[in-house]
Amino acid sequence: LSFQLEDTYVIGELLALVESAFRSPDTPRKVAVLVDRTRSQATTIGPQDVRRVLEYMLSWQDRILCLAYATHSDFHYDLMRKVASMAEFNAAPPVEPFRDIDAANAWIRQQI
């Protein structure tokens, strides 16, 4: 599953998109998730959302093979590194932040 975030958004919108995709009968049972926010300048995701993203991911962990998050923002990159650490600690699927979409896609191909 690939989600391209542009302009501004709030974390609830992203999570709603993911949930809608997972509930779709067209979505395979197990998927790699790619979040591409390289075209977004939004800063509406804050530190309080790290736990929220992790808890949400854990609720779908039986469906997620891995999650790659591509961003040019240092702030969001660091937040996703925290999510990745917490995911590993909680035995969740692997999460990895990236600075560019090509590296994120390459990592996903290695994971599946």
PDB file of N, CA and C in Angstrom:
ATOM      1  N   LEU A   1       0.845  -1.179   0.000  1.00  0.00           N
ATOM      2  CA  LEU A   1       0.000   0.000   0.000  1.00  0.00           C
ATOM      3  C   LEU A   1       0.881   1.231   0.000  1.00  0.00           C
ATOM      4  N   SER A   2       0.531   2.187  -0.804  1.00  0.00           N
ATOM      5  CA  SER A   2       1.320   3.410  -0.888  1.00  0.00           C
ATOM      6  C   SER A   2       0.418   4.608  -0.633  1.00  0.00           C
ATOM      7  N   PHE A   3       0.886   5.499   0.232  1.00  0.00           N
ATOM      8  CA  PHE A   3       0.154   6.710   0.553  1.00  0.00           C
ATOM      9  C   PHE A   3       1.055   7.903   0.275  1.00  0.00           C
ATOM     10  N   GLN A   4       0.616   8.774  -0.631  1.00  0.00           N
ATOM     11  CA  GLN A   4       1.379   9.975  -0.954  1.00  0.00           C
ATOM     12  C   GLN A   4       0.696  11.174  -0.305  1.00  0.00           C
ATOM     13  N   LEU A   5       1.409  11.790   0.615  1.00  0.00           N
ATOM     14  CA  LEU A   5       0.860  12.916   1.345  1.00  0.00           C
ATOM     15  C   LEU A   5       1.399  14.205   0.748  1.00  0.00           C
ATOM     16  N   GLU A   6       0.494  15.102   0.412  1.00  0.00           N
ATOM     17  CA  GLU A   6       0.881  16.386  -0.159  1.00  0.00           C
ATOM     18  C   GLU A   6       0.211  17.494   0.638  1.00  0.00           C
ATOM     19  N   ASP A   7       0.782  18.676   0.552  1.00  0.00           N
ATOM     20  CA  ASP A   7       0.249  19.850   1.232  1.00  0.00           C
ATOM     21  C   ASP A   7       0.187  19.593   2.735  1.00  0.00           C
ATOM     22  N   THR A   8      -0.962  19.857   3.343  1.00  0.00           N
ATOM     23  CA  THR A   8      -1.090  19.662   4.786  1.00  0.00           C
ATOM     24  C   THR A   8      -2.074  18.545   5.082  1.00  0.00           C
ATOM     25  N   TYR A   9      -1.908  17.935   6.208  1.00  0.00           N
ATOM     26  CA  TYR A   9      -2.776  16.857   6.652  1.00  0.00           C
ATOM     27  C   TYR A   9      -2.602  16.719   8.160  1.00  0.00           C
ATOM     28  N   VAL A  10      -3.497  15.999   8.782  1.00  0.00           N
ATOM     29  CA  VAL A  10      -3.357  15.689  10.200  1.00  0.00           C
ATOM     30  C   VAL A  10      -3.241  14.182  10.325  1.00  0.00           C
ATOM     31  N   ILE A  11      -2.675  13.725  11.411  1.00  0.00           N
ATOM     32  CA  ILE A  11      -2.403  12.302  11.588  1.00  0.00           C
ATOM     33  C   ILE A  11      -3.677  11.463  11.477  1.00  0.00           C
ATOM     34  N   GLY A  12      -4.794  12.001  11.960  1.00  0.00           N
ATOM     35  CA  GLY A  12      -6.056  11.268  11.875  1.00  0.00           C
ATOM     36  C   GLY A  12      -6.458  10.977  10.440  1.00  0.00           C
ATOM     37  N   GLU A  13      -6.158  11.902   9.527  1.00  0.00           N
ATOM     38  CA  GLU A  13      -6.468  11.683   8.113  1.00  0.00           C
ATOM     39  C   GLU A  13      -5.644  10.531   7.550  1.00  0.00           C
ATOM     40  N   LEU A  14      -4.369  10.496   7.893  1.00  0.00           N
ATOM     41  CA  LEU A  14      -3.511   9.411   7.432  1.00  0.00           C
ATOM     42  C   LEU A  14      -3.997   8.067   7.968  1.00  0.00           C
ATOM     43  N   LEU A  15      -4.283   8.010   9.248  1.00  0.00           N
ATOM     44  CA  LEU A  15      -4.735   6.758   9.848  1.00  0.00           C
ATOM     45  C   LEU A  15      -6.072   6.310   9.259  1.00  0.00           C
ATOM     46  N   ALA A  16      -6.954   7.250   8.946  1.00  0.00           N
ATOM     47  CA  ALA A  16      -8.228   6.914   8.314  1.00  0.00           C
ATOM     48  C   ALA A  16      -8.012   6.343   6.910  1.00  0.00           C
ATOM     49  N   LEU A  17      -7.064   6.897   6.161  1.00  0.00           N
ATOM     50  CA  LEU A  17      -6.737   6.353   4.837  1.00  0.00           C
ATOM     51  C   LEU A  17      -6.229   4.925   4.937  1.00  0.00           C
ATOM     52  N   VAL A  18      -5.344   4.696   5.893  1.00  0.00           N
ATOM     53  CA  VAL A  18      -4.789   3.352   6.082  1.00  0.00           C
ATOM     54  C   VAL A  18      -5.895   2.379   6.466  1.00  0.00           C
ATOM     55  N   GLU A  19      -6.742   2.771   7.388  1.00  0.00           N
ATOM     56  CA  GLU A  19      -7.824   1.882   7.816  1.00  0.00           C
ATOM     57  C   GLU A  19      -8.765   1.559   6.663  1.00  0.00           C
ATOM     58  N   SER A  20      -9.102   2.553   5.876  1.00  0.00           N
ATOM     59  CA  SER A  20      -9.972   2.334   4.722  1.00  0.00           C
ATOM     60  C   SER A  20      -9.342   1.335   3.752  1.00  0.00           C
ATOM     61  N   ALA A  21      -8.047   1.483   3.526  1.00  0.00           N
ATOM     62  CA  ALA A  21      -7.353   0.554   2.624  1.00  0.00           C
ATOM     63  C   ALA A  21      -7.348  -0.861   3.188  1.00  0.00           C
ATOM     64  N   PHE A  22      -7.102  -1.000   4.486  1.00  0.00           N
ATOM     65  CA  PHE A  22      -7.081  -2.336   5.088  1.00  0.00           C
ATOM     66  C   PHE A  22      -8.459  -2.993   5.075  1.00  0.00           C
ATOM     67  N   ARG A  23      -9.487  -2.207   5.157  1.00  0.00           N
ATOM     68  CA  ARG A  23     -10.846  -2.762   5.161  1.00  0.00           C
ATOM     69  C   ARG A  23     -11.359  -3.079   3.747  1.00  0.00           C
ATOM     70  N   SER A  24     -10.661  -2.598   2.743  1.00  0.00           N
ATOM     71  CA  SER A  24     -11.068  -2.850   1.365  1.00  0.00           C
ATOM     72  C   SER A  24     -10.862  -4.324   1.004  1.00  0.00           C
ATOM     73  N   PRO A  25     -11.847  -4.944   0.359  1.00  0.00           N
ATOM     74  CA  PRO A  25     -11.669  -6.344  -0.052  1.00  0.00           C
ATOM     75  C   PRO A  25     -10.595  -6.503  -1.134  1.00  0.00           C
ATOM     76  N   ASP A  26     -10.205  -5.417  -1.773  1.00  0.00           N
ATOM     77  CA  ASP A  26      -9.178  -5.478  -2.816  1.00  0.00           C
ATOM     78  C   ASP A  26      -7.753  -5.511  -2.259  1.00  0.00           C
ATOM     79  N   THR A  27      -7.591  -5.196  -0.988  1.00  0.00           N
ATOM     80  CA  THR A  27      -6.267  -5.162  -0.372  1.00  0.00           C
ATOM     81  C   THR A  27      -5.847  -6.565   0.035  1.00  0.00           C
ATOM     82  N   PRO A  28      -4.651  -6.990  -0.394  1.00  0.00           N
ATOM     83  CA  PRO A  28      -4.166  -8.318   0.025  1.00  0.00           C
ATOM     84  C   PRO A  28      -4.109  -8.438   1.544  1.00  0.00           C
ATOM     85  N   ARG A  29      -4.119  -9.661   2.016  1.00  0.00           N
ATOM     86  CA  ARG A  29      -4.109  -9.926   3.461  1.00  0.00           C
ATOM     87  C   ARG A  29      -2.869  -9.330   4.145  1.00  0.00           C
ATOM     88  N   LYS A  30      -1.688  -9.502   3.540  1.00  0.00           N
ATOM     89  CA  LYS A  30      -0.442  -8.968   4.091  1.00  0.00           C
ATOM     90  C   LYS A  30       0.138  -7.977   3.096  1.00  0.00           C
ATOM     91  N   VAL A  31       0.514  -6.787   3.579  1.00  0.00           N
ATOM     92  CA  VAL A  31       1.030  -5.749   2.692  1.00  0.00           C
ATOM     93  C   VAL A  31       2.219  -5.023   3.312  1.00  0.00           C
ATOM     94  N   ALA A  32       3.059  -4.508   2.435  1.00  0.00           N
ATOM     95  CA  ALA A  32       4.078  -3.543   2.832  1.00  0.00           C
ATOM     96  C   ALA A  32       3.432  -2.171   2.697  1.00  0.00           C
ATOM     97  N   VAL A  33       3.716  -1.296   3.635  1.00  0.00           N
ATOM     98  CA  VAL A  33       3.123   0.048   3.624  1.00  0.00           C
ATOM     99  C   VAL A  33       4.222   1.079   3.371  1.00  0.00           C
ATOM    100  N   LEU A  34       3.956   1.967   2.425  1.00  0.00           N
ATOM    101  CA  LEU A  34       4.864   3.057   2.112  1.00  0.00           C
ATOM    102  C   LEU A  34       4.125   4.371   2.303  1.00  0.00           C
ATOM    103  N   VAL A  35       4.647   5.222   3.172  1.00  0.00           N
ATOM    104  CA  VAL A  35       4.107   6.559   3.368  1.00  0.00           C
ATOM    105  C   VAL A  35       5.121   7.526   2.772  1.00  0.00           C
ATOM    106  N   ASP A  36       4.689   8.237   1.741  1.00  0.00           N
ATOM    107  CA  ASP A  36       5.559   9.185   1.047  1.00  0.00           C
ATOM    108  C   ASP A  36       5.103  10.607   1.362  1.00  0.00           C
ATOM    109  N   ARG A  37       5.864  11.281   2.202  1.00  0.00           N
ATOM    110  CA  ARG A  37       5.544  12.679   2.498  1.00  0.00           C
ATOM    111  C   ARG A  37       6.651  13.600   2.011  1.00  0.00           C
ATOM    112  N   THR A  38       7.342  13.161   0.945  1.00  0.00           N
ATOM    113  CA  THR A  38       8.417  13.973   0.390  1.00  0.00           C
ATOM    114  C   THR A  38       7.893  15.211  -0.323  1.00  0.00           C
ATOM    115  N   ARG A  39       6.592  15.237  -0.638  1.00  0.00           N
ATOM    116  CA  ARG A  39       6.004  16.408  -1.303  1.00  0.00           C
ATOM    117  C   ARG A  39       5.177  17.264  -0.347  1.00  0.00           C
ATOM    118  N   SER A  40       5.265  16.966   0.925  1.00  0.00           N
ATOM    119  CA  SER A  40       4.473  17.690   1.910  1.00  0.00           C
ATOM    120  C   SER A  40       5.383  18.541   2.787  1.00  0.00           C
ATOM    121  N   GLN A  41       4.937  19.722   3.057  1.00  0.00           N
ATOM    122  CA  GLN A  41       5.649  20.599   3.976  1.00  0.00           C
ATOM    123  C   GLN A  41       4.924  20.676   5.318  1.00  0.00           C
ATOM    124  N   ALA A  42       3.923  19.842   5.483  1.00  0.00           N
ATOM    125  CA  ALA A  42       3.103  19.866   6.695  1.00  0.00           C
ATOM    126  C   ALA A  42       3.929  19.543   7.923  1.00  0.00           C
ATOM    127  N   THR A  43       3.630  20.218   8.993  1.00  0.00           N
ATOM    128  CA  THR A  43       4.284  19.936  10.269  1.00  0.00           C
ATOM    129  C   THR A  43       3.229  19.629  11.326  1.00  0.00           C
ATOM    130  N   THR A  44       2.133  19.032  10.885  1.00  0.00           N
ATOM    131  CA  THR A  44       1.026  18.796  11.808  1.00  0.00           C
ATOM    132  C   THR A  44       1.183  17.510  12.612  1.00  0.00           C
ATOM    133  N   ILE A  45       2.247  16.765  12.385  1.00  0.00           N
ATOM    134  CA  ILE A  45       2.507  15.578  13.191  1.00  0.00           C
ATOM    135  C   ILE A  45       3.522  15.976  14.251  1.00  0.00           C
ATOM    136  N   GLY A  46       3.150  15.754  15.498  1.00  0.00           N
ATOM    137  CA  GLY A  46       4.030  16.136  16.589  1.00  0.00           C
ATOM    138  C   GLY A  46       4.461  14.936  17.405  1.00  0.00           C
ATOM    139  N   PRO A  47       5.288  15.172  18.388  1.00  0.00           N
ATOM    140  CA  PRO A  47       5.795  14.082  19.233  1.00  0.00           C
ATOM    141  C   PRO A  47       4.689  13.246  19.873  1.00  0.00           C
ATOM    142  N   GLN A  48       3.564  13.863  20.178  1.00  0.00           N
ATOM    143  CA  GLN A  48       2.462  13.127  20.803  1.00  0.00           C
ATOM    144  C   GLN A  48       1.890  12.064  19.863  1.00  0.00           C
ATOM    145  N   ASP A  49       2.156  12.217  18.571  1.00  0.00           N
ATOM    146  CA  ASP A  49       1.615  11.277  17.595  1.00  0.00           C
ATOM    147  C   ASP A  49       2.466  10.016  17.438  1.00  0.00           C
ATOM    148  N   VAL A  50       3.683  10.009  17.979  1.00  0.00           N
ATOM    149  CA  VAL A  50       4.540   8.833  17.856  1.00  0.00           C
ATOM    150  C   VAL A  50       3.858   7.621  18.470  1.00  0.00           C
ATOM    151  N   ARG A  51       3.381   7.759  19.678  1.00  0.00           N
ATOM    152  CA  ARG A  51       2.703   6.649  20.355  1.00  0.00           C
ATOM    153  C   ARG A  51       1.424   6.272  19.614  1.00  0.00           C
ATOM    154  N   ARG A  52       0.709   7.251  19.126  1.00  0.00           N
ATOM    155  CA  ARG A  52      -0.542   6.996  18.409  1.00  0.00           C
ATOM    156  C   ARG A  52      -0.298   6.176  17.138  1.00  0.00           C
ATOM    157  N   VAL A  53       0.735   6.541  16.383  1.00  0.00           N
ATOM    158  CA  VAL A  53       1.063   5.796  15.168  1.00  0.00           C
ATOM    159  C   VAL A  53       1.460   4.364  15.522  1.00  0.00           C
ATOM    160  N   LEU A  54       2.273   4.201  16.544  1.00  0.00           N
ATOM    161  CA  LEU A  54       2.705   2.866  16.949  1.00  0.00           C
ATOM    162  C   LEU A  54       1.519   2.020  17.391  1.00  0.00           C
ATOM    163  N   GLU A  55       0.658   2.571  18.232  1.00  0.00           N
ATOM    164  CA  GLU A  55      -0.504   1.806  18.699  1.00  0.00           C
ATOM    165  C   GLU A  55      -1.403   1.415  17.532  1.00  0.00           C
ATOM    166  N   TYR A  56      -1.560   2.321  16.592  1.00  0.00           N
ATOM    167  CA  TYR A  56      -2.376   2.026  15.420  1.00  0.00           C
ATOM    168  C   TYR A  56      -1.739   0.908  14.605  1.00  0.00           C
ATOM    169  N   MET A  57      -0.439   1.008  14.415  1.00  0.00           N
ATOM    170  CA  MET A  57       0.270  -0.016  13.657  1.00  0.00           C
ATOM    171  C   MET A  57       0.165  -1.373  14.352  1.00  0.00           C
ATOM    172  N   LEU A  58       0.288  -1.387  15.650  1.00  0.00           N
ATOM    173  CA  LEU A  58       0.167  -2.643  16.390  1.00  0.00           C
ATOM    174  C   LEU A  58      -1.218  -3.260  16.221  1.00  0.00           C
ATOM    175  N   SER A  59      -2.244  -2.418  16.077  1.00  0.00           N
ATOM    176  CA  SER A  59      -3.599  -2.955  15.900  1.00  0.00           C
ATOM    177  C   SER A  59      -3.765  -3.639  14.541  1.00  0.00           C
ATOM    178  N   TRP A  60      -2.909  -3.316  13.584  1.00  0.00           N
ATOM    179  CA  TRP A  60      -2.957  -3.935  12.247  1.00  0.00           C
ATOM    180  C   TRP A  60      -1.731  -4.804  11.974  1.00  0.00           C
ATOM    181  N   GLN A  61      -0.967  -5.154  12.980  1.00  0.00           N
ATOM    182  CA  GLN A  61       0.305  -5.833  12.747  1.00  0.00           C
ATOM    183  C   GLN A  61       0.166  -7.184  12.052  1.00  0.00           C
ATOM    184  N   ASP A  62      -0.976  -7.809  12.154  1.00  0.00           N
ATOM    185  CA  ASP A  62      -1.157  -9.085  11.439  1.00  0.00           C
ATOM    186  C   ASP A  62      -1.296  -8.878   9.931  1.00  0.00           C
ATOM    187  N   ARG A  63      -1.489  -7.635   9.488  1.00  0.00           N
ATOM    188  CA  ARG A  63      -1.647  -7.316   8.067  1.00  0.00           C
ATOM    189  C   ARG A  63      -0.426  -6.618   7.477  1.00  0.00           C
ATOM    190  N   ILE A  64       0.434  -6.053   8.326  1.00  0.00           N
ATOM    191  CA  ILE A  64       1.560  -5.237   7.856  1.00  0.00           C
ATOM    192  C   ILE A  64       2.842  -6.067   7.848  1.00  0.00           C
ATOM    193  N   LEU A  65       3.472  -6.144   6.690  1.00  0.00           N
ATOM    194  CA  LEU A  65       4.779  -6.796   6.588  1.00  0.00           C
ATOM    195  C   LEU A  65       5.887  -5.862   7.062  1.00  0.00           C
ATOM    196  N   CYS A  66       5.792  -4.605   6.659  1.00  0.00           N
ATOM    197  CA  CYS A  66       6.769  -3.592   7.032  1.00  0.00           C
ATOM    198  C   CYS A  66       6.188  -2.225   6.682  1.00  0.00           C
ATOM    199  N   LEU A  67       6.794  -1.173   7.240  1.00  0.00           N
ATOM    200  CA  LEU A  67       6.349   0.182   6.965  1.00  0.00           C
ATOM    201  C   LEU A  67       7.557   1.064   6.692  1.00  0.00           C
ATOM    202  N   ALA A  68       7.571   1.694   5.522  1.00  0.00           N
ATOM    203  CA  ALA A  68       8.613   2.654   5.161  1.00  0.00           C
ATOM    204  C   ALA A  68       7.989   4.038   5.128  1.00  0.00           C
ATOM    205  N   TYR A  69       8.716   5.011   5.651  1.00  0.00           N
ATOM    206  CA  TYR A  69       8.220   6.382   5.745  1.00  0.00           C
ATOM    207  C   TYR A  69       9.272   7.296   5.133  1.00  0.00           C
ATOM    208  N   ALA A  70       8.964   7.887   3.983  1.00  0.00           N
ATOM    209  CA  ALA A  70       9.909   8.767   3.287  1.00  0.00           C
ATOM    210  C   ALA A  70       9.559  10.225   3.560  1.00  0.00           C
ATOM    211  N   THR A  71      10.563  10.985   3.989  1.00  0.00           N
ATOM    212  CA  THR A  71      10.356  12.396   4.316  1.00  0.00           C
ATOM    213  C   THR A  71      11.650  13.177   4.133  1.00  0.00           C
ATOM    214  N   HIS A  72      11.525  14.434   3.770  1.00  0.00           N
ATOM    215  CA  HIS A  72      12.690  15.320   3.710  1.00  0.00           C
ATOM    216  C   HIS A  72      12.855  16.088   5.014  1.00  0.00           C
ATOM    217  N   SER A  73      11.874  16.010   5.884  1.00  0.00           N
ATOM    218  CA  SER A  73      11.880  16.758   7.137  1.00  0.00           C
ATOM    219  C   SER A  73      12.721  16.040   8.203  1.00  0.00           C
ATOM    220  N   ASP A  74      13.699  16.738   8.749  1.00  0.00           N
ATOM    221  CA  ASP A  74      14.499  16.168   9.837  1.00  0.00           C
ATOM    222  C   ASP A  74      13.618  15.827  11.031  1.00  0.00           C
ATOM    223  N   PHE A  75      12.671  16.704  11.324  1.00  0.00           N
ATOM    224  CA  PHE A  75      11.769  16.501  12.453  1.00  0.00           C
ATOM    225  C   PHE A  75      10.981  15.195  12.296  1.00  0.00           C
ATOM    226  N   HIS A  76      10.363  14.986  11.135  1.00  0.00           N
ATOM    227  CA  HIS A  76       9.567  13.782  10.916  1.00  0.00           C
ATOM    228  C   HIS A  76      10.434  12.532  10.814  1.00  0.00           C
ATOM    229  N   TYR A  77      11.614  12.679  10.253  1.00  0.00           N
ATOM    230  CA  TYR A  77      12.549  11.560  10.187  1.00  0.00           C
ATOM    231  C   TYR A  77      12.885  11.090  11.607  1.00  0.00           C
ATOM    232  N   ASP A  78      13.208  12.033  12.490  1.00  0.00           N
ATOM    233  CA  ASP A  78      13.532  11.676  13.871  1.00  0.00           C
ATOM    234  C   ASP A  78      12.336  11.067  14.604  1.00  0.00           C
ATOM    235  N   LEU A  79      11.140  11.595  14.349  1.00  0.00           N
ATOM    236  CA  LEU A  79       9.943  11.007  14.964  1.00  0.00           C
ATOM    237  C   LEU A  79       9.758   9.557  14.528  1.00  0.00           C
ATOM    238  N   MET A  80       9.949   9.299  13.245  1.00  0.00           N
ATOM    239  CA  MET A  80       9.764   7.933  12.756  1.00  0.00           C
ATOM    240  C   MET A  80      10.867   7.003  13.244  1.00  0.00           C
ATOM    241  N   ARG A  81      12.039   7.535  13.522  1.00  0.00           N
ATOM    242  CA  ARG A  81      13.081   6.703  14.145  1.00  0.00           C
ATOM    243  C   ARG A  81      12.624   6.256  15.528  1.00  0.00           C
ATOM    244  N   LYS A  82      11.934   7.141  16.241  1.00  0.00           N
ATOM    245  CA  LYS A  82      11.390   6.766  17.552  1.00  0.00           C
ATOM    246  C   LYS A  82      10.317   5.692  17.401  1.00  0.00           C
ATOM    247  N   VAL A  83       9.433   5.859  16.405  1.00  0.00           N
ATOM    248  CA  VAL A  83       8.415   4.841  16.146  1.00  0.00           C
ATOM    249  C   VAL A  83       9.093   3.514  15.823  1.00  0.00           C
ATOM    250  N   ALA A  84      10.142   3.550  15.010  1.00  0.00           N
ATOM    251  CA  ALA A  84      10.856   2.329  14.634  1.00  0.00           C
ATOM    252  C   ALA A  84      11.432   1.630  15.862  1.00  0.00           C
ATOM    253  N   SER A  85      12.032   2.394  16.761  1.00  0.00           N
ATOM    254  CA  SER A  85      12.592   1.813  17.986  1.00  0.00           C
ATOM    255  C   SER A  85      11.503   1.194  18.847  1.00  0.00           C
ATOM    256  N   MET A  86      10.410   1.917  18.985  1.00  0.00           N
ATOM    257  CA  MET A  86       9.304   1.408  19.800  1.00  0.00           C
ATOM    258  C   MET A  86       8.674   0.187  19.139  1.00  0.00           C
ATOM    259  N   ALA A  87       8.582   0.176  17.816  1.00  0.00           N
ATOM    260  CA  ALA A  87       8.012  -0.979  17.113  1.00  0.00           C
ATOM    261  C   ALA A  87       8.878  -2.209  17.354  1.00  0.00           C
ATOM    262  N   GLU A  88      10.183  -2.040  17.249  1.00  0.00           N
ATOM    263  CA  GLU A  88      11.093  -3.166  17.479  1.00  0.00           C
ATOM    264  C   GLU A  88      10.948  -3.689  18.905  1.00  0.00           C
ATOM    265  N   PHE A  89      10.866  -2.789  19.859  1.00  0.00           N
ATOM    266  CA  PHE A  89      10.711  -3.172  21.262  1.00  0.00           C
ATOM    267  C   PHE A  89       9.410  -3.939  21.483  1.00  0.00           C
ATOM    268  N   ASN A  90       8.356  -3.577  20.741  1.00  0.00           N
ATOM    269  CA  ASN A  90       7.044  -4.208  20.899  1.00  0.00           C
ATOM    270  C   ASN A  90       6.817  -5.376  19.942  1.00  0.00           C
ATOM    271  N   ALA A  91       7.881  -5.843  19.287  1.00  0.00           N
ATOM    272  CA  ALA A  91       7.803  -6.960  18.337  1.00  0.00           C
ATOM    273  C   ALA A  91       6.800  -6.697  17.222  1.00  0.00           C
ATOM    274  N   ALA A  92       6.726  -5.443  16.801  1.00  0.00           N
ATOM    275  CA  ALA A  92       5.848  -5.056  15.695  1.00  0.00           C
ATOM    276  C   ALA A  92       6.604  -5.247  14.380  1.00  0.00           C
ATOM    277  N   PRO A  93       5.895  -5.157  13.270  1.00  0.00           N
ATOM    278  CA  PRO A  93       6.581  -5.229  11.975  1.00  0.00           C
ATOM    279  C   PRO A  93       7.633  -4.125  11.870  1.00  0.00           C
ATOM    280  N   PRO A  94       8.674  -4.357  11.060  1.00  0.00           N
ATOM    281  CA  PRO A  94       9.731  -3.354  10.955  1.00  0.00           C
ATOM    282  C   PRO A  94       9.247  -2.033  10.360  1.00  0.00           C
ATOM    283  N   VAL A  95       9.765  -0.954  10.930  1.00  0.00           N
ATOM    284  CA  VAL A  95       9.479   0.409  10.484  1.00  0.00           C
ATOM    285  C   VAL A  95      10.817   1.068  10.185  1.00  0.00           C
ATOM    286  N   GLU A  96      10.878   1.796   9.095  1.00  0.00           N
ATOM    287  CA  GLU A  96      12.131   2.468   8.757  1.00  0.00           C
ATOM    288  C   GLU A  96      11.852   3.813   8.104  1.00  0.00           C
ATOM    289  N   PRO A  97      12.484   4.883   8.607  1.00  0.00           N
ATOM    290  CA  PRO A  97      12.357   6.189   7.944  1.00  0.00           C
ATOM    291  C   PRO A  97      13.426   6.332   6.865  1.00  0.00           C
ATOM    292  N   PHE A  98      13.104   7.100   5.850  1.00  0.00           N
ATOM    293  CA  PHE A  98      14.033   7.344   4.738  1.00  0.00           C
ATOM    294  C   PHE A  98      13.988   8.802   4.338  1.00  0.00           C
ATOM    295  N   ARG A  99      15.068   9.258   3.731  1.00  0.00           N
ATOM    296  CA  ARG A  99      15.158  10.627   3.234  1.00  0.00           C
ATOM    297  C   ARG A  99      14.631  10.757   1.812  1.00  0.00           C
ATOM    298  N   ASP A 100      14.548   9.639   1.080  1.00  0.00           N
ATOM    299  CA  ASP A 100      14.033   9.712  -0.287  1.00  0.00           C
ATOM    300  C   ASP A 100      13.219   8.462  -0.611  1.00  0.00           C
ATOM    301  N   ILE A 101      12.350   8.613  -1.570  1.00  0.00           N
ATOM    302  CA  ILE A 101      11.397   7.566  -1.925  1.00  0.00           C
ATOM    303  C   ILE A 101      12.078   6.352  -2.553  1.00  0.00           C
ATOM    304  N   ASP A 102      13.152   6.568  -3.318  1.00  0.00           N
ATOM    305  CA  ASP A 102      13.836   5.437  -3.948  1.00  0.00           C
ATOM    306  C   ASP A 102      14.440   4.499  -2.909  1.00  0.00           C
ATOM    307  N   ALA A 103      15.048   5.052  -1.893  1.00  0.00           N
ATOM    308  CA  ALA A 103      15.620   4.231  -0.825  1.00  0.00           C
ATOM    309  C   ALA A 103      14.515   3.482  -0.072  1.00  0.00           C
ATOM    310  N   ALA A 104      13.384   4.126   0.144  1.00  0.00           N
ATOM    311  CA  ALA A 104      12.257   3.476   0.823  1.00  0.00           C
ATOM    312  C   ALA A 104      11.742   2.306  -0.007  1.00  0.00           C
ATOM    313  N   ASN A 105      11.586   2.514  -1.295  1.00  0.00           N
ATOM    314  CA  ASN A 105      11.127   1.437  -2.173  1.00  0.00           C
ATOM    315  C   ASN A 105      12.112   0.275  -2.200  1.00  0.00           C
ATOM    316  N   ALA A 106      13.401   0.571  -2.250  1.00  0.00           N
ATOM    317  CA  ALA A 106      14.428  -0.483  -2.257  1.00  0.00           C
ATOM    318  C   ALA A 106      14.359  -1.303  -0.971  1.00  0.00           C
ATOM    319  N   TRP A 107      14.190  -0.630   0.168  1.00  0.00           N
ATOM    320  CA  TRP A 107      14.096  -1.336   1.454  1.00  0.00           C
ATOM    321  C   TRP A 107      12.867  -2.243   1.482  1.00  0.00           C
ATOM    322  N   ILE A 108      11.743  -1.738   0.991  1.00  0.00           N
ATOM    323  CA  ILE A 108      10.529  -2.562   0.961  1.00  0.00           C
ATOM    324  C   ILE A 108      10.758  -3.808   0.113  1.00  0.00           C
ATOM    325  N   ARG A 109      11.395  -3.667  -1.035  1.00  0.00           N
ATOM    326  CA  ARG A 109      11.660  -4.828  -1.881  1.00  0.00           C
ATOM    327  C   ARG A 109      12.516  -5.856  -1.148  1.00  0.00           C
ATOM    328  N   GLN A 110      13.439  -5.410  -0.316  1.00  0.00           N
ATOM    329  CA  GLN A 110      14.266  -6.326   0.472  1.00  0.00           C
ATOM    330  C   GLN A 110      13.461  -7.041   1.566  1.00  0.00           C
ATOM    331  N   GLN A 111      12.434  -6.371   2.059  1.00  0.00           N
ATOM    332  CA  GLN A 111      11.648  -6.924   3.163  1.00  0.00           C
ATOM    333  C   GLN A 111      10.637  -7.981   2.720  1.00  0.00           C
ATOM    334  N   ILE A 112      10.190  -7.882   1.478  1.00  0.00           N
ATOM    335  CA  ILE A 112       9.114  -8.801   1.046  1.00  0.00           C
ATOM    336  C   ILE A 112       9.622  -9.913   0.157  1.00  0.00           C
TER     337      ILE A 112
END
